[in-house]
Amino acid sequence: MGNIERGMNMTRETVIQNILTNYGQYISKEDVESMVDSGKEQGLTYDLIYLRLLVKIRMIILKLTIRYF
């Protein structure tokens, strides 16, 4: 059963690890850490920070993809 079925309960480290594992070619570790810390300062949970980062990164990838076609 995956995180979605169980309900996500991420930590700072799992957010950073998952983002870098899947999108490390698009974003640096330092940038991910900075965005995670910024989200936490805004009072967001790590689950929400992760989902927001996914949306932002995927939007960037989509824009880059569209640009090259």
N, C-alpha and C. Protein backbone atom coordinates (compact mmCIF):
# COMPACT_ATOMS: atom_id res chain seq x y z
N MET A 1 0.84 -1.17 0.00
CA MET A 1 0.00 0.00 0.00
C MET A 1 0.89 1.24 0.00
N GLY A 2 0.63 2.21 -0.88
CA GLY A 2 1.45 3.41 -0.99
C GLY A 2 1.04 4.49 -0.01
N ASN A 3 1.79 5.59 -0.02
CA ASN A 3 1.52 6.70 0.89
C ASN A 3 0.13 7.28 0.72
N ILE A 4 -0.37 7.34 -0.51
CA ILE A 4 -1.67 7.94 -0.75
C ILE A 4 -2.76 7.13 -0.05
N GLU A 5 -2.70 5.80 -0.17
CA GLU A 5 -3.71 4.96 0.45
C GLU A 5 -3.63 5.02 1.97
N ARG A 6 -2.44 5.08 2.52
CA ARG A 6 -2.26 5.11 3.98
C ARG A 6 -2.48 6.50 4.53
N GLY A 7 -2.39 7.49 3.69
CA GLY A 7 -2.36 8.87 4.16
C GLY A 7 -0.91 9.26 4.34
N MET A 8 -0.52 10.32 3.72
CA MET A 8 0.88 10.71 3.75
C MET A 8 1.25 11.25 5.12
N ASN A 9 2.45 10.99 5.55
CA ASN A 9 2.98 11.52 6.80
C ASN A 9 4.47 11.70 6.60
N MET A 10 4.83 12.69 5.82
CA MET A 10 6.20 12.87 5.40
C MET A 10 7.00 13.68 6.42
N THR A 11 8.30 13.51 6.35
CA THR A 11 9.24 14.32 7.14
C THR A 11 10.02 15.21 6.18
N ARG A 12 10.78 16.11 6.72
CA ARG A 12 11.62 16.98 5.89
C ARG A 12 12.50 16.14 4.98
N GLU A 13 13.10 15.12 5.55
CA GLU A 13 14.03 14.28 4.80
C GLU A 13 13.34 13.52 3.67
N THR A 14 12.13 12.98 3.93
CA THR A 14 11.45 12.23 2.88
C THR A 14 10.99 13.14 1.75
N VAL A 15 10.60 14.36 2.09
CA VAL A 15 10.22 15.32 1.03
C VAL A 15 11.42 15.57 0.13
N ILE A 16 12.55 15.92 0.74
CA ILE A 16 13.76 16.23 -0.03
C ILE A 16 14.20 15.02 -0.84
N GLN A 17 14.24 13.86 -0.22
CA GLN A 17 14.67 12.64 -0.90
C GLN A 17 13.76 12.31 -2.08
N ASN A 18 12.45 12.36 -1.89
CA ASN A 18 11.53 12.02 -2.96
C ASN A 18 11.61 13.01 -4.13
N ILE A 19 11.71 14.28 -3.82
CA ILE A 19 11.82 15.29 -4.89
C ILE A 19 13.11 15.08 -5.67
N LEU A 20 14.22 14.91 -4.96
CA LEU A 20 15.51 14.76 -5.66
C LEU A 20 15.59 13.45 -6.43
N THR A 21 15.00 12.38 -5.89
CA THR A 21 15.01 11.11 -6.60
C THR A 21 14.27 11.21 -7.93
N ASN A 22 13.14 11.89 -7.92
CA ASN A 22 12.32 11.96 -9.12
C ASN A 22 12.60 13.17 -10.02
N TYR A 23 13.11 14.26 -9.46
CA TYR A 23 13.26 15.49 -10.23
C TYR A 23 14.61 16.17 -10.03
N GLY A 24 15.58 15.44 -9.51
CA GLY A 24 16.89 16.00 -9.24
C GLY A 24 17.60 16.59 -10.45
N GLN A 25 17.22 16.15 -11.63
CA GLN A 25 17.84 16.70 -12.84
C GLN A 25 17.33 18.10 -13.14
N TYR A 26 16.24 18.51 -12.50
CA TYR A 26 15.65 19.82 -12.75
C TYR A 26 15.88 20.82 -11.63
N ILE A 27 16.25 20.34 -10.44
CA ILE A 27 16.32 21.22 -9.28
C ILE A 27 17.44 20.76 -8.35
N SER A 28 18.11 21.70 -7.73
CA SER A 28 19.23 21.36 -6.85
C SER A 28 18.74 21.04 -5.44
N LYS A 29 19.55 20.32 -4.72
CA LYS A 29 19.24 19.98 -3.34
C LYS A 29 19.08 21.24 -2.49
N GLU A 30 19.94 22.21 -2.73
CA GLU A 30 19.88 23.46 -1.96
C GLU A 30 18.56 24.18 -2.19
N ASP A 31 18.08 24.20 -3.44
CA ASP A 31 16.80 24.85 -3.74
C ASP A 31 15.64 24.11 -3.08
N VAL A 32 15.68 22.78 -3.12
CA VAL A 32 14.61 22.00 -2.50
C VAL A 32 14.60 22.25 -0.99
N GLU A 33 15.77 22.21 -0.37
CA GLU A 33 15.85 22.45 1.07
C GLU A 33 15.32 23.83 1.44
N SER A 34 15.67 24.82 0.64
CA SER A 34 15.21 26.18 0.89
C SER A 34 13.69 26.28 0.79
N MET A 35 13.11 25.64 -0.23
CA MET A 35 11.66 25.70 -0.41
C MET A 35 10.94 24.93 0.69
N VAL A 36 11.49 23.80 1.11
CA VAL A 36 10.89 23.03 2.20
C VAL A 36 10.91 23.86 3.48
N ASP A 37 12.03 24.47 3.78
CA ASP A 37 12.15 25.27 5.00
C ASP A 37 11.21 26.49 4.95
N SER A 38 11.10 27.09 3.79
CA SER A 38 10.20 28.23 3.62
C SER A 38 8.75 27.82 3.85
N GLY A 39 8.37 26.69 3.31
CA GLY A 39 7.01 26.18 3.52
C GLY A 39 6.73 25.91 4.98
N LYS A 40 7.71 25.35 5.66
CA LYS A 40 7.54 25.04 7.09
C LYS A 40 7.39 26.34 7.88
N GLU A 41 8.17 27.37 7.52
CA GLU A 41 8.06 28.67 8.18
C GLU A 41 6.67 29.29 7.99
N GLN A 42 6.02 28.94 6.88
CA GLN A 42 4.68 29.44 6.59
C GLN A 42 3.61 28.61 7.30
N GLY A 43 4.03 27.58 8.03
CA GLY A 43 3.10 26.77 8.79
C GLY A 43 2.50 25.59 8.04
N LEU A 44 3.09 25.25 6.90
CA LEU A 44 2.58 24.13 6.10
C LEU A 44 3.09 22.80 6.64
N THR A 45 2.33 21.75 6.43
CA THR A 45 2.81 20.41 6.78
C THR A 45 3.77 19.94 5.69
N TYR A 46 4.58 18.94 6.01
CA TYR A 46 5.49 18.41 5.00
C TYR A 46 4.74 17.75 3.85
N ASP A 47 3.59 17.16 4.13
CA ASP A 47 2.77 16.58 3.05
C ASP A 47 2.35 17.65 2.06
N LEU A 48 1.87 18.78 2.57
CA LEU A 48 1.43 19.86 1.69
C LEU A 48 2.61 20.49 0.95
N ILE A 49 3.72 20.64 1.64
CA ILE A 49 4.92 21.17 0.98
C ILE A 49 5.31 20.28 -0.19
N TYR A 50 5.30 18.97 0.03
CA TYR A 50 5.65 18.01 -1.02
C TYR A 50 4.71 18.15 -2.21
N LEU A 51 3.42 18.19 -1.95
CA LEU A 51 2.45 18.30 -3.05
C LEU A 51 2.61 19.62 -3.81
N ARG A 52 2.87 20.70 -3.10
CA ARG A 52 3.07 21.99 -3.77
C ARG A 52 4.33 21.98 -4.62
N LEU A 53 5.40 21.36 -4.11
CA LEU A 53 6.63 21.25 -4.90
C LEU A 53 6.41 20.42 -6.15
N LEU A 54 5.66 19.32 -6.01
CA LEU A 54 5.36 18.50 -7.19
C LEU A 54 4.67 19.32 -8.27
N VAL A 55 3.67 20.08 -7.87
CA VAL A 55 2.92 20.89 -8.84
C VAL A 55 3.85 21.90 -9.51
N LYS A 56 4.64 22.59 -8.73
CA LYS A 56 5.54 23.62 -9.29
C LYS A 56 6.56 23.01 -10.25
N ILE A 57 7.17 21.90 -9.85
CA ILE A 57 8.18 21.28 -10.70
C ILE A 57 7.55 20.74 -11.98
N ARG A 58 6.40 20.11 -11.86
CA ARG A 58 5.73 19.58 -13.05
C ARG A 58 5.31 20.69 -14.00
N MET A 59 4.91 21.84 -13.46
CA MET A 59 4.57 22.97 -14.32
C MET A 59 5.80 23.46 -15.08
N ILE A 60 6.94 23.51 -14.41
CA ILE A 60 8.18 23.92 -15.06
C ILE A 60 8.54 22.94 -16.17
N ILE A 61 8.45 21.65 -15.87
CA ILE A 61 8.76 20.63 -16.87
C ILE A 61 7.83 20.76 -18.07
N LEU A 62 6.55 20.97 -17.81
CA LEU A 62 5.58 21.13 -18.88
C LEU A 62 5.91 22.34 -19.75
N LYS A 63 6.25 23.44 -19.12
CA LYS A 63 6.62 24.65 -19.87
C LYS A 63 7.86 24.40 -20.73
N LEU A 64 8.84 23.72 -20.16
CA LEU A 64 10.05 23.41 -20.92
C LEU A 64 9.74 22.49 -22.08
N THR A 65 8.86 21.52 -21.86
CA THR A 65 8.49 20.58 -22.90
C THR A 65 7.77 21.29 -24.04
N ILE A 66 6.84 22.14 -23.70
CA ILE A 66 6.07 22.88 -24.70
C ILE A 66 6.98 23.80 -25.51
N ARG A 67 7.94 24.40 -24.85
CA ARG A 67 8.87 25.31 -25.50
C ARG A 67 9.66 24.64 -26.62
N TYR A 68 9.97 23.38 -26.44
CA TYR A 68 10.82 22.68 -27.40
C TYR A 68 10.05 22.00 -28.51
N PHE A 69 8.72 22.13 -28.52
CA PHE A 69 7.93 21.54 -29.60
C PHE A 69 7.43 22.59 -30.55
